[in-house]
């Protein structure tokens, strides 16, 4: 099975699931959030520091964390670490029972062909994260009107300046920036760039060329695209493309 620089992205786009497996990684991730997914992780080896909503904790072998959508957090490597993360779309969590969420995750892990058993590392892992996913609360309003929220999340490639954003809320641009950062942990500009990069990741998985991806996400300067991508993902777009593995086919039975 292909892997690149000790990071593997294994996706099931039909069921909106993804596993990210980091092996002996030193990559740290600055403050960010995930607008579409819950993220659950288990530390396989090493130590990382996670800051969630301003609260810092250290996670070591067998420790589990679950982060809801929109929750600002950062991950810092304390030393070389190995970690498995599972991303589950918030719509999936909303409509399915705990039992069905667990079944989907279990099935996904089996069909991913990973060379370790998550349940053997931490008993009841999928039970625990399925329950946490279902009952964790989060605020997705961002404190802004729905039209602007949709623009920032679904069409981040469009240029929307701070002045025009603040006009929709009838406040000064400085007050808008403060309010937005209090809600998301990011300035409006950083939130927009983050969402462009998330969209770029989805396009790369659909086999868009890197040039097409950059243009379709609002980056007309290739160097800016590469810089922002690496800052947020921890890999260059080329490295990320090599680290992404073929989608799991859920129409076939696991071997």
Foldseek 3Di string as FASTA:
>chain_A
DFAFPQWAWEAAVVQQKIKIKHAQDQDKAAKAFAAFWKKKKAWQAAKKWKQWQNDIDIHGFGDMDIDGGLIIMIIGGPGGTIMMMMIGTLVSLAPDDLVVQLVVVQQCVLLSPDPDDPCVRHPCVSSVVSVCSNPDDADNPLPADPVVSCCLQVPLLDDDDLCNRVVRVPDHSVVVQVSNCNRRVDGSVLSSLLNLLVQLLVVLLVVDDNCVSCVSSNHPDSVVQQVSNCNHVVHGSVSSSSNYDDHRDPVDHRD
